[in-house]
Every structure is written in C-alpha cells, then in structure tokens.
Amino acid sequence: METNLLLDTYLKTLQLPTFLRNYRKFAEEAAQANHSYDRFLLALAEQEVAQRERNRIARLIKAARFPLLKELADFDFSCLTSPHKQRVLDLARGEYIPKAEPIIMVGNPGLGKTHLAIALALTACRQGRKVRFYNAAALVNELTQAQEEQRLSRFLATALKQHLIVLDELGFIPFSPNGAQLIFQLCSALYERVAMIVTTNLRFADWTQVFGDERLTAALLDRLTHRAHILEFVGESYRFRQRLQREAQTNGE
C-alpha cells in the first residue's frame, strides 16, 4: 500500500497523470498476459504521449476561437459546381501553411465558405498548427482598440506567431478609412510569413466598395492574391436547400 502511495506521489510530481490513472489496470493486464516489464512500461508511455497530444490539440482548437466547429466530412459538396471536392481535400493536407500561401474563398452568401474555412482551419489545428479565427468586422474593432491603447505592435507581433489566420466575411460591412488602413497593415505584416484563409462575397473588382481607397485596395489585393489559392464558390445556397428540405419534411408529415 505504501508503495502505491509513494508511486502516486512521484507520478504527480513528475506530472504523469495518464500513468497515474492507468498503471494499476495495465499492471493487472500485464500480469495476466505474462507481458514483460518493458512492454508494460511501453503501453503506459504510449497512453501518456497520446493523451498529451490530444490535450495539445484541444488547447490549439480552443485558442483558435472558432465561432463553432465544422468538419470537412459534414460538408455537402453536391450543392456546388465549384470548387471541386478534391481541390479542397488537397488543401486540407496543409501544404499551403508552411509556404504562407493564402486561400481566398469568393462567392455569394450561403454557399458554405465559412464552413469550409473553419473545417480547413480545424484540420490545421489537428496537424499541430497555431490558428486564429477572426470575423472581419470584429477584427477591425480589435485593431482599432489596440491602436487606441498603443498596443498595435504587440497585436501584430502576436498575429505573426500564428501559423494560419482566418479572416471571415470580408466585405459584408464597409470599413472606415482607419479600419481599412489597419486591415491593410495586418495583411502586409502577414504577407509571406503567415498563411491566411479569407472568405468574401465580393468579386475582387468590388473590394474598393469596402476599403474605399483604390490604391490601398490594389496594394492589398496584390499581396493577398500573390501565390494564393483562389476558390470560386458557385452553386445552390446551402442554407436555402436545407430550408426547402425542412419544409418538404414538414409538409410530408
């Protein structure tokens, strides 16, 4: 009994919670199966490593601040004629991230751009990458507040520590001149250093409506589209299709 108490204490001190939780059960199983000490220890170590990896991924997902979690497996590609499913699955491998290549998703509302942006970013978290999700309008507010509190440089430095930043719903709300400048400053800082996923319902020719300044818009597009993966979403509104399905089910009852 004293041996177990002492072992429990040592495992807590060494911060091996999975060892602590499993060693009694694993010891019984090893004795019954006549496993060697090495095999018993290996089984415990594998559990500890696997649990630490699960914990690390959970922390990365929490730090990303997704508004909700969306999976690639749950997306209905039959609603779209573009982009093709295979192209999205190829991007999910994450090779664009170490290259700091942007993904720009362009298309009308309701086609699933946010779903796929979150799904790709969630996949990146599971690959061990640091991700941060922003709604474009909320990001401008955060940047403005950081500027007013004289911590904009710190905000940008923190952004540069990410592997992937998602900028969702760019174009729904026009920016003030200062807001446009701040978004440009952030994107310029991230250019060729941090991968981005941008979703927008505006064609590139219409971005001036959001940013106001033609020269600033041209400079921003030049940076964002350089080496970018541009996914044009064409198809039937995902939400509209779901509503029709619900109505059909209701009428059929």
Foldseek 3Di string as FASTA:
>chain_A
DVVLVVVLVVCVVVVQVQCNVPLVVLVVVCVVVVHDPVVSVVVSVVRSVVVVLVVQLVVLVVQQPDPDAAALVPDDCVQFPWDDSVVLVVCLVVPCQVQQAEEEEEAAPQLCLSRSLRNSQSSVSNVVFREHEDELVVVLVVCVVCVVVVNNVVVLVVVLRGSEYEYEAQPPAADDLVSLVSVLVSLVSSQSRHYYYYYYHDDLVCNCVRNVDPVSSVVSCVRNVVNYHYIYTDGHRNVVVVVVVVVVVVVVD
